[in-house]
Amino acid sequence: MTRDDFIIRFGGVFEHSPWIAERAFDAGAIIEPLTASAVHAAMTAQFQAASPEEQLGVLRAHPDLAGRLAIAGELTEDSRKEQAGAGLDRLSPVEHARFTALNTAYVEKFGFPFIIAVKGLTKDDILAAFEVRVGNSREQEFETAKAQVEKIAHLRLAALLPGEAATGAALPVRALTKEAFAPFGTVIEADPSTMRYINGGTTERYHALAEVEVAGEDARVIINLFRGSPRAFPYAIDMMERHPLGSQSFSPIDDRPWLVIVAEDEGGRPGRPQVFLASGRQGVNYRRNVWHHPLMAVGAASDFIVVDRSTSSENLEEHFYDRPYVIEQPAVTE
């Protein structure tokens, strides 16, 4: 593939920023046959190596969600399809007013638009993320926005290289047990071997079910509430993430089943995902640096108590599969 052909085909992967494709090609990092993962790695390397001013320019090249350009029909084709897929072209007047207010507040605070990879998200998911992130610091949002730009780029590359993005093998679903989950962390549930009576015999304490791991000079342990939206099935697993600087635990409080998806590390990348169905009385603690999929609620929106690490350091690594895996149904199949 010639330089011109490459830039024509992939120059729009990073919104209005063909210079990233140009630099990736000129660096000799583009080797055929092309795969979504390899091209993404080459282009992302150039984005990450760019100056903060250049990175800010990429962020500012993205449109507001459901904003002026969308109303005027001036979005790029990729952005139009992405926003339409999330229903942002079909907002009620009340919803549109909320997006407009958040867009204005966000840009005034950070100096660039709110960016989120909308594929697979609903309007409510996006609004919920918007309302949380507008309260972050500029440093936090600059890093979060860059990570979302990279995720959007991978999704666009997967669409441009459909042979690589074709759906992969269906994954079996197993019941969550402490033995099966042991390579990845700890199952948090009432374990009789850890039980002791306290408070005059009126309370059963299940002691030290998991340990919190934190690293870094400014690290601190925090307790959060996550509200997970239910996923539609069949569900394609196209990415995994891990946290190199700390563990992360999830404990459901709605007594609803949910999915736990993990993978062993294979040379710095996640291997084939393993899927577990957890009961509403089972939580998990992912050990530091364990590959896992983001929260997977089943059937209805569900709340989780999440214990993890807060820090100014980057604590998220993502990997996108060339060929997504599929969960056909959230029921035990193995």
C-alpha atoms as a PDB file:
ATOM      1  CA  MET A   1       0.000   0.000   0.000  1.00  0.00           C
ATOM      2  CA  THR A   2       1.364   3.408  -0.955  1.00  0.00           C
ATOM      3  CA  ARG A   3       1.641   6.284   1.486  1.00  0.00           C
ATOM      4  CA  ASP A   4      -1.156   8.183  -0.260  1.00  0.00           C
ATOM      5  CA  ASP A   5      -3.430   5.129  -0.261  1.00  0.00           C
ATOM      6  CA  PHE A   6      -2.802   4.549   3.441  1.00  0.00           C
ATOM      7  CA  ILE A   7      -3.592   8.137   4.364  1.00  0.00           C
ATOM      8  CA  ILE A   8      -6.725   8.185   2.212  1.00  0.00           C
ATOM      9  CA  ARG A   9      -7.987   5.018   3.877  1.00  0.00           C
ATOM     10  CA  PHE A  10      -6.935   5.655   7.475  1.00  0.00           C
ATOM     11  CA  GLY A  11      -6.400   9.416   7.746  1.00  0.00           C
ATOM     12  CA  GLY A  12      -9.800   9.925   9.382  1.00  0.00           C
ATOM     13  CA  VAL A  13      -9.413   7.263  12.058  1.00  0.00           C
ATOM     14  CA  PHE A  14      -8.278   9.970  14.467  1.00  0.00           C
ATOM     15  CA  GLU A  15     -10.882  12.706  13.974  1.00  0.00           C
ATOM     16  CA  HIS A  16      -9.677  15.381  11.495  1.00  0.00           C
ATOM     17  CA  SER A  17      -6.053  14.407  12.255  1.00  0.00           C
ATOM     18  CA  PRO A  18      -4.474  12.774   9.171  1.00  0.00           C
ATOM     19  CA  TRP A  19      -1.014  13.700  10.452  1.00  0.00           C
ATOM     20  CA  ILE A  20      -1.174  10.689  12.772  1.00  0.00           C
ATOM     21  CA  ALA A  21      -1.557   8.306   9.828  1.00  0.00           C
ATOM     22  CA  GLU A  22       1.201  10.175   7.983  1.00  0.00           C
ATOM     23  CA  ARG A  23       3.661   9.831  10.860  1.00  0.00           C
ATOM     24  CA  ALA A  24       2.796   6.162  11.408  1.00  0.00           C
ATOM     25  CA  PHE A  25       3.501   5.377   7.760  1.00  0.00           C
ATOM     26  CA  ASP A  26       6.677   7.465   7.663  1.00  0.00           C
ATOM     27  CA  ALA A  27       7.974   5.700  10.778  1.00  0.00           C
ATOM     28  CA  GLY A  28       7.948   2.398   8.880  1.00  0.00           C
ATOM     29  CA  ALA A  29       5.508   0.886  11.356  1.00  0.00           C
ATOM     30  CA  ILE A  30       2.917  -0.162   8.747  1.00  0.00           C
ATOM     31  CA  ILE A  31       3.529  -3.729   7.622  1.00  0.00           C
ATOM     32  CA  GLU A  32       1.180  -5.720   5.407  1.00  0.00           C
ATOM     33  CA  PRO A  33      -1.013  -7.654   5.741  1.00  0.00           C
ATOM     34  CA  LEU A  34      -2.747  -4.997   7.779  1.00  0.00           C
ATOM     35  CA  THR A  35      -4.614  -5.851  10.962  1.00  0.00           C
ATOM     36  CA  ALA A  36      -6.725  -3.545  13.078  1.00  0.00           C
ATOM     37  CA  SER A  37      -4.548  -4.199  16.122  1.00  0.00           C
ATOM     38  CA  ALA A  38      -1.246  -3.547  14.341  1.00  0.00           C
ATOM     39  CA  VAL A  39      -2.403  -0.371  12.605  1.00  0.00           C
ATOM     40  CA  HIS A  40      -3.929   0.846  15.853  1.00  0.00           C
ATOM     41  CA  ALA A  41      -0.662   0.239  17.709  1.00  0.00           C
ATOM     42  CA  ALA A  42       1.318   2.125  15.060  1.00  0.00           C
ATOM     43  CA  MET A  43      -1.023   5.105  14.999  1.00  0.00           C
ATOM     44  CA  THR A  44      -1.527   5.227  18.747  1.00  0.00           C
ATOM     45  CA  ALA A  45       2.243   5.317  19.232  1.00  0.00           C
ATOM     46  CA  GLN A  46       2.356   8.516  17.170  1.00  0.00           C
ATOM     47  CA  PHE A  47      -0.553  10.040  19.074  1.00  0.00           C
ATOM     48  CA  GLN A  48       1.065   9.249  22.416  1.00  0.00           C
ATOM     49  CA  ALA A  49       4.433  10.626  21.255  1.00  0.00           C
ATOM     50  CA  ALA A  50       2.899  13.906  20.084  1.00  0.00           C
ATOM     51  CA  SER A  51       3.253  17.102  22.071  1.00  0.00           C
ATOM     52  CA  PRO A  52       0.510  18.031  24.561  1.00  0.00           C
ATOM     53  CA  GLU A  53      -0.498  20.835  22.192  1.00  0.00           C
ATOM     54  CA  GLU A  54      -0.902  18.392  19.294  1.00  0.00           C
ATOM     55  CA  GLN A  55      -2.861  15.987  21.477  1.00  0.00           C
ATOM     56  CA  LEU A  56      -5.119  18.823  22.567  1.00  0.00           C
ATOM     57  CA  GLY A  57      -5.702  19.633  18.907  1.00  0.00           C
ATOM     58  CA  VAL A  58      -6.940  16.078  18.339  1.00  0.00           C
ATOM     59  CA  LEU A  59      -9.316  16.348  21.283  1.00  0.00           C
ATOM     60  CA  ARG A  60     -10.645  19.666  20.033  1.00  0.00           C
ATOM     61  CA  ALA A  61     -11.211  18.159  16.577  1.00  0.00           C
ATOM     62  CA  HIS A  62     -13.959  15.964  18.026  1.00  0.00           C
ATOM     63  CA  PRO A  63     -17.535  17.268  17.893  1.00  0.00           C
ATOM     64  CA  ASP A  64     -19.806  17.853  20.858  1.00  0.00           C
ATOM     65  CA  LEU A  65     -22.231  14.990  21.436  1.00  0.00           C
ATOM     66  CA  ALA A  66     -25.642  15.939  20.017  1.00  0.00           C
ATOM     67  CA  GLY A  67     -24.237  19.425  19.479  1.00  0.00           C
ATOM     68  CA  ARG A  68     -24.291  22.158  16.852  1.00  0.00           C
ATOM     69  CA  LEU A  69     -22.525  20.165  14.121  1.00  0.00           C
ATOM     70  CA  ALA A  70     -24.931  17.255  14.534  1.00  0.00           C
ATOM     71  CA  ILE A  71     -27.933  19.550  14.212  1.00  0.00           C
ATOM     72  CA  ALA A  72     -26.430  21.206  11.133  1.00  0.00           C
ATOM     73  CA  GLY A  73     -25.597  17.852   9.531  1.00  0.00           C
ATOM     74  CA  GLU A  74     -21.886  18.687   9.476  1.00  0.00           C
ATOM     75  CA  LEU A  75     -20.462  15.676  11.317  1.00  0.00           C
ATOM     76  CA  THR A  76     -17.948  13.377   9.657  1.00  0.00           C
ATOM     77  CA  GLU A  77     -19.569  10.166   8.438  1.00  0.00           C
ATOM     78  CA  ASP A  78     -17.892   8.182  11.211  1.00  0.00           C
ATOM     79  CA  SER A  79     -19.123  10.556  13.925  1.00  0.00           C
ATOM     80  CA  ARG A  80     -22.615  10.645  12.443  1.00  0.00           C
ATOM     81  CA  LYS A  81     -22.913   6.854  12.481  1.00  0.00           C
ATOM     82  CA  GLU A  82     -21.484   6.599  15.986  1.00  0.00           C
ATOM     83  CA  GLN A  83     -23.817   9.183  17.475  1.00  0.00           C
ATOM     84  CA  ALA A  84     -26.825   7.782  15.622  1.00  0.00           C
ATOM     85  CA  GLY A  85     -25.991   4.286  16.857  1.00  0.00           C
ATOM     86  CA  ALA A  86     -26.305   5.547  20.426  1.00  0.00           C
ATOM     87  CA  GLY A  87     -29.608   7.294  19.687  1.00  0.00           C
ATOM     88  CA  LEU A  88     -28.162  10.794  20.006  1.00  0.00           C
ATOM     89  CA  ASP A  89     -29.966  11.861  16.844  1.00  0.00           C
ATOM     90  CA  ARG A  90     -33.319  11.035  18.469  1.00  0.00           C
ATOM     91  CA  LEU A  91     -33.232  13.013  21.703  1.00  0.00           C
ATOM     92  CA  SER A  92     -36.291  14.460  23.374  1.00  0.00           C
ATOM     93  CA  PRO A  93     -36.263  18.233  24.000  1.00  0.00           C
ATOM     94  CA  VAL A  94     -35.449  17.584  27.657  1.00  0.00           C
ATOM     95  CA  GLU A  95     -32.578  15.239  26.791  1.00  0.00           C
ATOM     96  CA  HIS A  96     -31.208  17.662  24.211  1.00  0.00           C
ATOM     97  CA  ALA A  97     -31.289  20.499  26.737  1.00  0.00           C
ATOM     98  CA  ARG A  98     -29.358  18.343  29.208  1.00  0.00           C
ATOM     99  CA  PHE A  99     -26.683  17.475  26.640  1.00  0.00           C
ATOM    100  CA  THR A 100     -26.395  21.140  25.649  1.00  0.00           C
ATOM    101  CA  ALA A 101     -25.926  22.244  29.257  1.00  0.00           C
ATOM    102  CA  LEU A 102     -23.327  19.550  29.923  1.00  0.00           C
ATOM    103  CA  ASN A 103     -21.465  20.288  26.680  1.00  0.00           C
ATOM    104  CA  THR A 104     -21.235  23.957  27.622  1.00  0.00           C
ATOM    105  CA  ALA A 105     -20.110  23.292  31.193  1.00  0.00           C
ATOM    106  CA  TYR A 106     -17.554  20.701  30.115  1.00  0.00           C
ATOM    107  CA  VAL A 107     -15.924  22.806  27.393  1.00  0.00           C
ATOM    108  CA  GLU A 108     -15.805  25.871  29.631  1.00  0.00           C
ATOM    109  CA  LYS A 109     -14.037  23.855  32.333  1.00  0.00           C
ATOM    110  CA  PHE A 110     -11.627  21.764  30.256  1.00  0.00           C
ATOM    111  CA  GLY A 111     -11.158  23.557  26.940  1.00  0.00           C
ATOM    112  CA  PHE A 112     -12.055  20.535  24.807  1.00  0.00           C
ATOM    113  CA  PRO A 113     -15.272  18.565  24.165  1.00  0.00           C
ATOM    114  CA  PHE A 114     -16.497  15.541  26.101  1.00  0.00           C
ATOM    115  CA  ILE A 115     -15.248  12.441  24.279  1.00  0.00           C
ATOM    116  CA  ILE A 116     -16.514   8.913  24.822  1.00  0.00           C
ATOM    117  CA  ALA A 117     -16.600   5.827  22.611  1.00  0.00           C
ATOM    118  CA  VAL A 118     -20.367   5.507  22.296  1.00  0.00           C
ATOM    119  CA  LYS A 119     -20.547   2.065  20.673  1.00  0.00           C
ATOM    120  CA  GLY A 120     -22.669  -0.224  22.826  1.00  0.00           C
ATOM    121  CA  LEU A 121     -23.799   2.611  25.106  1.00  0.00           C
ATOM    122  CA  THR A 122     -27.280   4.031  25.551  1.00  0.00           C
ATOM    123  CA  LYS A 123     -28.220   7.690  25.921  1.00  0.00           C
ATOM    124  CA  ASP A 124     -28.568   7.121  29.648  1.00  0.00           C
ATOM    125  CA  ASP A 125     -25.118   5.504  29.858  1.00  0.00           C
ATOM    126  CA  ILE A 126     -23.553   8.480  28.093  1.00  0.00           C
ATOM    127  CA  LEU A 127     -25.352  11.047  30.230  1.00  0.00           C
ATOM    128  CA  ALA A 128     -24.342   9.218  33.401  1.00  0.00           C
ATOM    129  CA  ALA A 129     -20.681   9.205  32.343  1.00  0.00           C
ATOM    130  CA  PHE A 130     -20.944  12.850  31.280  1.00  0.00           C
ATOM    131  CA  GLU A 131     -22.303  13.905  34.681  1.00  0.00           C
ATOM    132  CA  VAL A 132     -19.515  12.082  36.524  1.00  0.00           C
ATOM    133  CA  ARG A 133     -16.623  13.195  34.344  1.00  0.00           C
ATOM    134  CA  VAL A 134     -17.537  16.890  34.311  1.00  0.00           C
ATOM    135  CA  GLY A 135     -16.587  16.841  37.989  1.00  0.00           C
ATOM    136  CA  ASN A 136     -13.059  15.526  37.362  1.00  0.00           C
ATOM    137  CA  SER A 137      -9.845  17.539  37.313  1.00  0.00           C
ATOM    138  CA  ARG A 138      -8.464  18.729  33.981  1.00  0.00           C
ATOM    139  CA  GLU A 139      -5.515  16.359  34.297  1.00  0.00           C
ATOM    140  CA  GLN A 140      -7.844  13.404  34.827  1.00  0.00           C
ATOM    141  CA  GLU A 141     -10.050  14.366  31.900  1.00  0.00           C
ATOM    142  CA  PHE A 142      -7.143  15.021  29.540  1.00  0.00           C
ATOM    143  CA  GLU A 143      -5.914  11.455  30.106  1.00  0.00           C
ATOM    144  CA  THR A 144      -9.424   9.979  29.985  1.00  0.00           C
ATOM    145  CA  ALA A 145     -10.249  11.817  26.763  1.00  0.00           C
ATOM    146  CA  LYS A 146      -7.035  10.591  25.120  1.00  0.00           C
ATOM    147  CA  ALA A 147      -7.865   7.003  26.098  1.00  0.00           C
ATOM    148  CA  GLN A 148     -11.352   7.383  24.610  1.00  0.00           C
ATOM    149  CA  VAL A 149      -9.878   8.810  21.389  1.00  0.00           C
ATOM    150  CA  GLU A 150      -7.678   5.720  21.115  1.00  0.00           C
ATOM    151  CA  LYS A 151     -10.678   3.443  21.724  1.00  0.00           C
ATOM    152  CA  ILE A 152     -12.712   5.238  19.039  1.00  0.00           C
ATOM    153  CA  ALA A 153      -9.783   4.840  16.645  1.00  0.00           C
ATOM    154  CA  HIS A 154      -9.666   1.096  17.246  1.00  0.00           C
ATOM    155  CA  LEU A 155     -13.397   0.720  16.626  1.00  0.00           C
ATOM    156  CA  ARG A 156     -13.069   2.648  13.378  1.00  0.00           C
ATOM    157  CA  LEU A 157     -10.122   0.526  12.282  1.00  0.00           C
ATOM    158  CA  ALA A 158     -12.077  -2.644  13.027  1.00  0.00           C
ATOM    159  CA  ALA A 159     -14.788  -1.385  10.666  1.00  0.00           C
ATOM    160  CA  LEU A 160     -12.222  -0.546   7.975  1.00  0.00           C
ATOM    161  CA  LEU A 161     -10.564  -3.953   8.249  1.00  0.00           C
ATOM    162  CA  PRO A 162     -13.630  -6.214   8.461  1.00  0.00           C
ATOM    163  CA  GLY A 163     -11.649  -9.371   7.802  1.00  0.00           C
ATOM    164  CA  GLU A 164      -9.842  -8.805  11.067  1.00  0.00           C
ATOM    165  CA  ALA A 165     -12.917  -7.648  12.937  1.00  0.00           C
ATOM    166  CA  ALA A 166     -15.017 -10.691  12.120  1.00  0.00           C
ATOM    167  CA  THR A 167     -16.643 -12.314  15.107  1.00  0.00           C
ATOM    168  CA  GLY A 168     -14.547 -14.979  16.750  1.00  0.00           C
ATOM    169  CA  ALA A 169     -15.384 -18.061  18.745  1.00  0.00           C
ATOM    170  CA  ALA A 170     -18.306 -18.282  21.138  1.00  0.00           C
ATOM    171  CA  LEU A 171     -17.231 -18.500  24.772  1.00  0.00           C
ATOM    172  CA  PRO A 172     -18.616 -20.972  27.310  1.00  0.00           C
ATOM    173  CA  VAL A 173     -19.964 -19.609  30.588  1.00  0.00           C
ATOM    174  CA  ARG A 174     -18.993 -21.314  33.851  1.00  0.00           C
ATOM    175  CA  ALA A 175     -20.318 -20.910  37.353  1.00  0.00           C
ATOM    176  CA  LEU A 176     -18.034 -18.735  39.473  1.00  0.00           C
ATOM    177  CA  THR A 177     -16.087 -20.709  42.078  1.00  0.00           C
ATOM    178  CA  LYS A 178     -13.094 -19.694  44.176  1.00  0.00           C
ATOM    179  CA  GLU A 179     -11.044 -22.544  42.705  1.00  0.00           C
ATOM    180  CA  ALA A 180     -11.673 -21.567  39.070  1.00  0.00           C
ATOM    181  CA  PHE A 181     -11.113 -17.873  39.780  1.00  0.00           C
ATOM    182  CA  ALA A 182      -7.960 -18.351  41.873  1.00  0.00           C
ATOM    183  CA  PRO A 183      -5.491 -17.448  39.059  1.00  0.00           C
ATOM    184  CA  PHE A 184      -7.118 -14.013  38.772  1.00  0.00           C
ATOM    185  CA  GLY A 185      -8.018 -13.042  42.325  1.00  0.00           C
ATOM    186  CA  THR A 186     -10.487 -13.847  45.064  1.00  0.00           C
ATOM    187  CA  VAL A 187     -14.192 -14.639  45.152  1.00  0.00           C
ATOM    188  CA  ILE A 188     -15.873 -12.567  47.863  1.00  0.00           C
ATOM    189  CA  GLU A 189     -18.634 -14.603  49.515  1.00  0.00           C
ATOM    190  CA  ALA A 190     -19.599 -16.037  52.881  1.00  0.00           C
ATOM    191  CA  ASP A 191     -16.842 -18.594  53.513  1.00  0.00           C
ATOM    192  CA  PRO A 192     -17.541 -20.689  56.642  1.00  0.00           C
ATOM    193  CA  SER A 193     -13.818 -21.223  57.210  1.00  0.00           C
ATOM    194  CA  THR A 194     -13.358 -17.482  57.821  1.00  0.00           C
ATOM    195  CA  MET A 195     -16.462 -16.958  59.992  1.00  0.00           C
ATOM    196  CA  ARG A 196     -16.266 -15.728  63.570  1.00  0.00           C
ATOM    197  CA  TYR A 197     -18.911 -14.290  65.888  1.00  0.00           C
ATOM    198  CA  ILE A 198     -18.617 -10.680  67.033  1.00  0.00           C
ATOM    199  CA  ASN A 199     -20.849  -8.121  68.769  1.00  0.00           C
ATOM    200  CA  GLY A 200     -21.845 -10.459  71.554  1.00  0.00           C
ATOM    201  CA  GLY A 201     -22.605 -13.305  69.187  1.00  0.00           C
ATOM    202  CA  THR A 202     -25.159 -11.340  67.183  1.00  0.00           C
ATOM    203  CA  THR A 203     -23.029 -10.868  64.061  1.00  0.00           C
ATOM    204  CA  GLU A 204     -21.182 -13.282  61.808  1.00  0.00           C
ATOM    205  CA  ARG A 205     -17.936 -11.782  60.528  1.00  0.00           C
ATOM    206  CA  TYR A 206     -16.372 -13.407  57.462  1.00  0.00           C
ATOM    207  CA  HIS A 207     -12.848 -12.201  57.984  1.00  0.00           C
ATOM    208  CA  ALA A 208     -10.229 -10.984  55.482  1.00  0.00           C
ATOM    209  CA  LEU A 209     -11.882 -12.355  52.345  1.00  0.00           C
ATOM    210  CA  ALA A 210      -9.600 -10.323  50.058  1.00  0.00           C
ATOM    211  CA  GLU A 211      -6.635  -7.980  50.230  1.00  0.00           C
ATOM    212  CA  VAL A 212      -6.430  -4.523  48.650  1.00  0.00           C
ATOM    213  CA  GLU A 213      -3.277  -3.858  46.623  1.00  0.00           C
ATOM    214  CA  VAL A 214      -2.070  -0.310  45.994  1.00  0.00           C
ATOM    215  CA  ALA A 215       1.183   1.076  44.601  1.00  0.00           C
ATOM    216  CA  GLY A 216       2.601   4.546  44.075  1.00  0.00           C
ATOM    217  CA  GLU A 217       3.538   7.423  46.343  1.00  0.00           C
ATOM    218  CA  ASP A 218       0.165   9.182  46.258  1.00  0.00           C
ATOM    219  CA  ALA A 219      -1.983   6.041  46.207  1.00  0.00           C
ATOM    220  CA  ARG A 220      -5.019   5.820  48.447  1.00  0.00           C
ATOM    221  CA  VAL A 221      -7.828   3.295  48.797  1.00  0.00           C
ATOM    222  CA  ILE A 222     -11.300   4.538  47.901  1.00  0.00           C
ATOM    223  CA  ILE A 223     -14.816   3.062  48.044  1.00  0.00           C
ATOM    224  CA  ASN A 224     -17.125   3.718  45.082  1.00  0.00           C
ATOM    225  CA  LEU A 225     -20.628   2.901  43.912  1.00  0.00           C
ATOM    226  CA  PHE A 226     -20.835   1.677  40.305  1.00  0.00           C
ATOM    227  CA  ARG A 227     -24.190   1.348  38.535  1.00  0.00           C
ATOM    228  CA  GLY A 228     -23.854  -1.086  35.639  1.00  0.00           C
ATOM    229  CA  SER A 229     -26.280  -1.048  32.715  1.00  0.00           C
ATOM    230  CA  PRO A 230     -27.391  -4.482  31.446  1.00  0.00           C
ATOM    231  CA  ARG A 231     -25.776  -5.701  28.235  1.00  0.00           C
ATOM    232  CA  ALA A 232     -27.620  -7.124  25.237  1.00  0.00           C
ATOM    233  CA  PHE A 233     -26.801 -10.647  24.064  1.00  0.00           C
ATOM    234  CA  PRO A 234     -25.173 -12.008  21.996  1.00  0.00           C
ATOM    235  CA  TYR A 235     -22.383  -9.769  23.287  1.00  0.00           C
ATOM    236  CA  ALA A 236     -19.037  -9.247  21.537  1.00  0.00           C
ATOM    237  CA  ILE A 237     -15.962  -8.947  23.749  1.00  0.00           C
ATOM    238  CA  ASP A 238     -13.585  -6.744  21.785  1.00  0.00           C
ATOM    239  CA  MET A 239     -11.424  -5.412  24.609  1.00  0.00           C
ATOM    240  CA  MET A 240      -9.950  -6.140  28.017  1.00  0.00           C
ATOM    241  CA  GLU A 241      -8.338  -3.873  30.583  1.00  0.00           C
ATOM    242  CA  ARG A 242      -6.063  -4.096  33.591  1.00  0.00           C
ATOM    243  CA  HIS A 243      -4.846  -1.850  36.392  1.00  0.00           C
ATOM    244  CA  PRO A 244      -1.077  -2.068  36.957  1.00  0.00           C
ATOM    245  CA  LEU A 245      -1.076  -0.057  40.183  1.00  0.00           C
ATOM    246  CA  GLY A 246      -3.796  -1.679  42.231  1.00  0.00           C
ATOM    247  CA  SER A 247      -6.440  -4.331  42.763  1.00  0.00           C
ATOM    248  CA  GLN A 248     -10.145  -3.733  42.147  1.00  0.00           C
ATOM    249  CA  SER A 249     -13.082  -5.430  43.864  1.00  0.00           C
ATOM    250  CA  PHE A 250     -16.754  -5.563  42.842  1.00  0.00           C
ATOM    251  CA  SER A 251     -19.507  -6.577  45.280  1.00  0.00           C
ATOM    252  CA  PRO A 252     -23.141  -6.530  44.068  1.00  0.00           C
ATOM    253  CA  ILE A 253     -25.776  -5.068  46.366  1.00  0.00           C
ATOM    254  CA  ASP A 254     -28.903  -5.839  44.298  1.00  0.00           C
ATOM    255  CA  ASP A 255     -28.738  -9.663  44.546  1.00  0.00           C
ATOM    256  CA  ARG A 256     -28.734 -10.038  40.748  1.00  0.00           C
ATOM    257  CA  PRO A 257     -26.472 -12.359  38.731  1.00  0.00           C
ATOM    258  CA  TRP A 258     -23.661 -10.765  36.739  1.00  0.00           C
ATOM    259  CA  LEU A 259     -20.784 -11.803  34.505  1.00  0.00           C
ATOM    260  CA  VAL A 260     -17.105 -11.865  35.404  1.00  0.00           C
ATOM    261  CA  ILE A 261     -14.741 -11.971  32.408  1.00  0.00           C
ATOM    262  CA  VAL A 262     -10.984 -12.438  32.820  1.00  0.00           C
ATOM    263  CA  ALA A 263      -7.996 -13.577  30.775  1.00  0.00           C
ATOM    264  CA  GLU A 264      -4.499 -14.801  31.465  1.00  0.00           C
ATOM    265  CA  ASP A 265      -1.619 -12.605  30.362  1.00  0.00           C
ATOM    266  CA  GLU A 266       0.202 -13.804  27.241  1.00  0.00           C
ATOM    267  CA  GLY A 267       3.291 -11.712  26.644  1.00  0.00           C
ATOM    268  CA  GLY A 268       1.724  -8.449  27.744  1.00  0.00           C
ATOM    269  CA  ARG A 269      -1.614  -9.125  26.055  1.00  0.00           C
ATOM    270  CA  PRO A 270      -4.768 -10.848  27.274  1.00  0.00           C
ATOM    271  CA  GLY A 271      -5.342 -14.374  26.048  1.00  0.00           C
ATOM    272  CA  ARG A 272      -8.690 -16.025  25.367  1.00  0.00           C
ATOM    273  CA  PRO A 273     -11.322 -14.659  27.774  1.00  0.00           C
ATOM    274  CA  GLN A 274     -12.831 -16.855  30.458  1.00  0.00           C
ATOM    275  CA  VAL A 275     -16.433 -16.106  31.422  1.00  0.00           C
ATOM    276  CA  PHE A 276     -17.987 -16.789  34.831  1.00  0.00           C
ATOM    277  CA  LEU A 277     -21.580 -16.303  35.948  1.00  0.00           C
ATOM    278  CA  ALA A 278     -21.626 -14.894  39.476  1.00  0.00           C
ATOM    279  CA  SER A 279     -24.649 -14.946  41.735  1.00  0.00           C
ATOM    280  CA  GLY A 280     -25.936 -11.756  43.291  1.00  0.00           C
ATOM    281  CA  ARG A 281     -24.246 -12.836  46.526  1.00  0.00           C
ATOM    282  CA  GLN A 282     -20.782 -13.222  45.025  1.00  0.00           C
ATOM    283  CA  GLY A 283     -18.237 -10.467  44.529  1.00  0.00           C
ATOM    284  CA  VAL A 284     -14.719 -10.640  43.134  1.00  0.00           C
ATOM    285  CA  ASN A 285     -11.412  -8.964  43.824  1.00  0.00           C
ATOM    286  CA  TYR A 286      -9.219  -8.694  40.722  1.00  0.00           C
ATOM    287  CA  ARG A 287      -5.570  -8.801  41.669  1.00  0.00           C
ATOM    288  CA  ARG A 288      -3.333  -6.007  40.477  1.00  0.00           C
ATOM    289  CA  ASN A 289      -2.494  -6.280  36.755  1.00  0.00           C
ATOM    290  CA  VAL A 290      -5.142  -8.927  35.957  1.00  0.00           C
ATOM    291  CA  TRP A 291      -6.833  -8.610  32.560  1.00  0.00           C
ATOM    292  CA  HIS A 292     -10.606  -8.280  32.919  1.00  0.00           C
ATOM    293  CA  HIS A 293     -13.600  -6.894  31.074  1.00  0.00           C
ATOM    294  CA  PRO A 294     -15.458  -3.834  32.394  1.00  0.00           C
ATOM    295  CA  LEU A 295     -18.487  -4.395  34.614  1.00  0.00           C
ATOM    296  CA  MET A 296     -21.122  -6.698  33.069  1.00  0.00           C
ATOM    297  CA  ALA A 297     -24.575  -6.415  34.633  1.00  0.00           C
ATOM    298  CA  VAL A 298     -27.199  -8.904  33.447  1.00  0.00           C
ATOM    299  CA  GLY A 299     -30.944  -8.391  33.068  1.00  0.00           C
ATOM    300  CA  ALA A 300     -31.307  -5.023  34.800  1.00  0.00           C
ATOM    301  CA  ALA A 301     -29.232  -2.097  35.993  1.00  0.00           C
ATOM    302  CA  SER A 302     -27.317  -3.185  39.090  1.00  0.00           C
ATOM    303  CA  ASP A 303     -25.301  -1.415  41.784  1.00  0.00           C
ATOM    304  CA  PHE A 304     -21.887  -2.546  42.999  1.00  0.00           C
ATOM    305  CA  ILE A 305     -19.612  -1.439  45.812  1.00  0.00           C
ATOM    306  CA  VAL A 306     -16.172  -1.051  44.231  1.00  0.00           C
ATOM    307  CA  VAL A 307     -12.950  -0.798  46.224  1.00  0.00           C
ATOM    308  CA  ASP A 308      -9.914   0.320  44.272  1.00  0.00           C
ATOM    309  CA  ARG A 309      -7.060   2.803  44.067  1.00  0.00           C
ATOM    310  CA  SER A 310      -7.142   6.538  43.467  1.00  0.00           C
ATOM    311  CA  THR A 311      -4.035   8.267  42.155  1.00  0.00           C
ATOM    312  CA  SER A 312      -2.810  10.923  39.791  1.00  0.00           C
ATOM    313  CA  SER A 313      -0.774   8.261  37.970  1.00  0.00           C
ATOM    314  CA  GLU A 314      -2.147   6.426  34.949  1.00  0.00           C
ATOM    315  CA  ASN A 315      -3.633   3.148  36.170  1.00  0.00           C
ATOM    316  CA  LEU A 316      -5.416   1.780  33.117  1.00  0.00           C
ATOM    317  CA  GLU A 317      -4.124  -0.361  30.270  1.00  0.00           C
ATOM    318  CA  GLU A 318      -6.482  -1.504  27.503  1.00  0.00           C
ATOM    319  CA  HIS A 319      -6.109  -4.113  24.774  1.00  0.00           C
ATOM    320  CA  PHE A 320      -8.405  -4.537  21.772  1.00  0.00           C
ATOM    321  CA  TYR A 321      -8.746  -7.943  20.151  1.00  0.00           C
ATOM    322  CA  ASP A 322      -8.401  -8.189  16.381  1.00  0.00           C
ATOM    323  CA  ARG A 323     -11.236 -10.719  16.387  1.00  0.00           C
ATOM    324  CA  PRO A 324     -13.887 -10.242  19.091  1.00  0.00           C
ATOM    325  CA  TYR A 325     -15.140 -13.183  21.121  1.00  0.00           C
ATOM    326  CA  VAL A 326     -18.858 -13.725  21.669  1.00  0.00           C
ATOM    327  CA  ILE A 327     -21.029 -14.576  24.653  1.00  0.00           C
ATOM    328  CA  GLU A 328     -24.204 -16.056  23.196  1.00  0.00           C
ATOM    329  CA  GLN A 329     -26.220 -16.003  26.423  1.00  0.00           C
ATOM    330  CA  PRO A 330     -25.521 -15.206  30.093  1.00  0.00           C
ATOM    331  CA  ALA A 331     -26.201 -18.730  31.353  1.00  0.00           C
ATOM    332  CA  VAL A 332     -23.905 -21.522  32.458  1.00  0.00           C
ATOM    333  CA  THR A 333     -22.970 -23.582  29.412  1.00  0.00           C
ATOM    334  CA  GLU A 334     -20.029 -25.545  30.764  1.00  0.00           C
END
